[in-house]
Amino acid sequence: MDIWQDIRFAARLLVKDRWFTLAAATALALGIGANAAVFTFVNAVLVRGLPFHEPDRIMAVWTEDDRSRRLNTSELDYEDWRAEARSFSELAATLGSTINVSDEGRAPERVEGAYVTANLFRLIGQPPVIGRDFTDAAIERADCVVAVGFDMVEYHPSSWNRGEDKAIIHVDMSPAEVDRNYRTECEIVGDIGLSLDALTRATAGMPKV
């Protein structure tokens, strides 16, 4: 009986002083939320480890100024690091960005994403959750490259057409920006969706390799 009396007494006090009750409930909720977030992070990173192949071997490399502020790494620096790396089995590059994603009949949605080099999934040992992987080897073996909505600033052709020998089909809303590593055999300018449909129909009877 004593415990029920204590509970009723505590309930009356909480109802009587509502501001104290609100403050206590808020503090309790924040404490539980913070503990849950910390446990989730520790469990995922320190206990179970990151969901990558040999996560303890994955390192992050960047450049800093004289005030120890992190700087963006240029594409040329990345290519030099990758070519001269002796302590790493492979190097991949990422660039975080905000991207607009839309579909027919739906309003565009702004999401967090990243531009990555073609070898990233191979480096971390994980396939994409949705869609197909892309590899440097596939481009190196290709006789013809179809560039859809290609932006030279994001992925300069010197990184995948060093030999300047790829036959390139340019599919975009605007004409190609010609470069010594980006000389097009054919340009399809206009609505990208309609252009791809037309290209698919035109190549339907060709043998697949």
Foldseek 3Di string as FASTA:
>chain_A
DVVVVVVVVVVVVCVVPVVVVVVVVVVVVVVVVVVVVVCVVCCAPPVVHDPFDPRVQDDDDFDADPVRDTDDDDPVNQVVCQVPPDPDPGDKDKAKDWDWDDDPPGDTDIDIDIQIDQCVCVVRVHADPDDGGGHLVVLVPDQEEEAAQDDCRSPNLCVNQVVLRHAYEYEEQDDDDDDSSDDHPYYDHRDRVVVVVVVCVVCVPPDDD
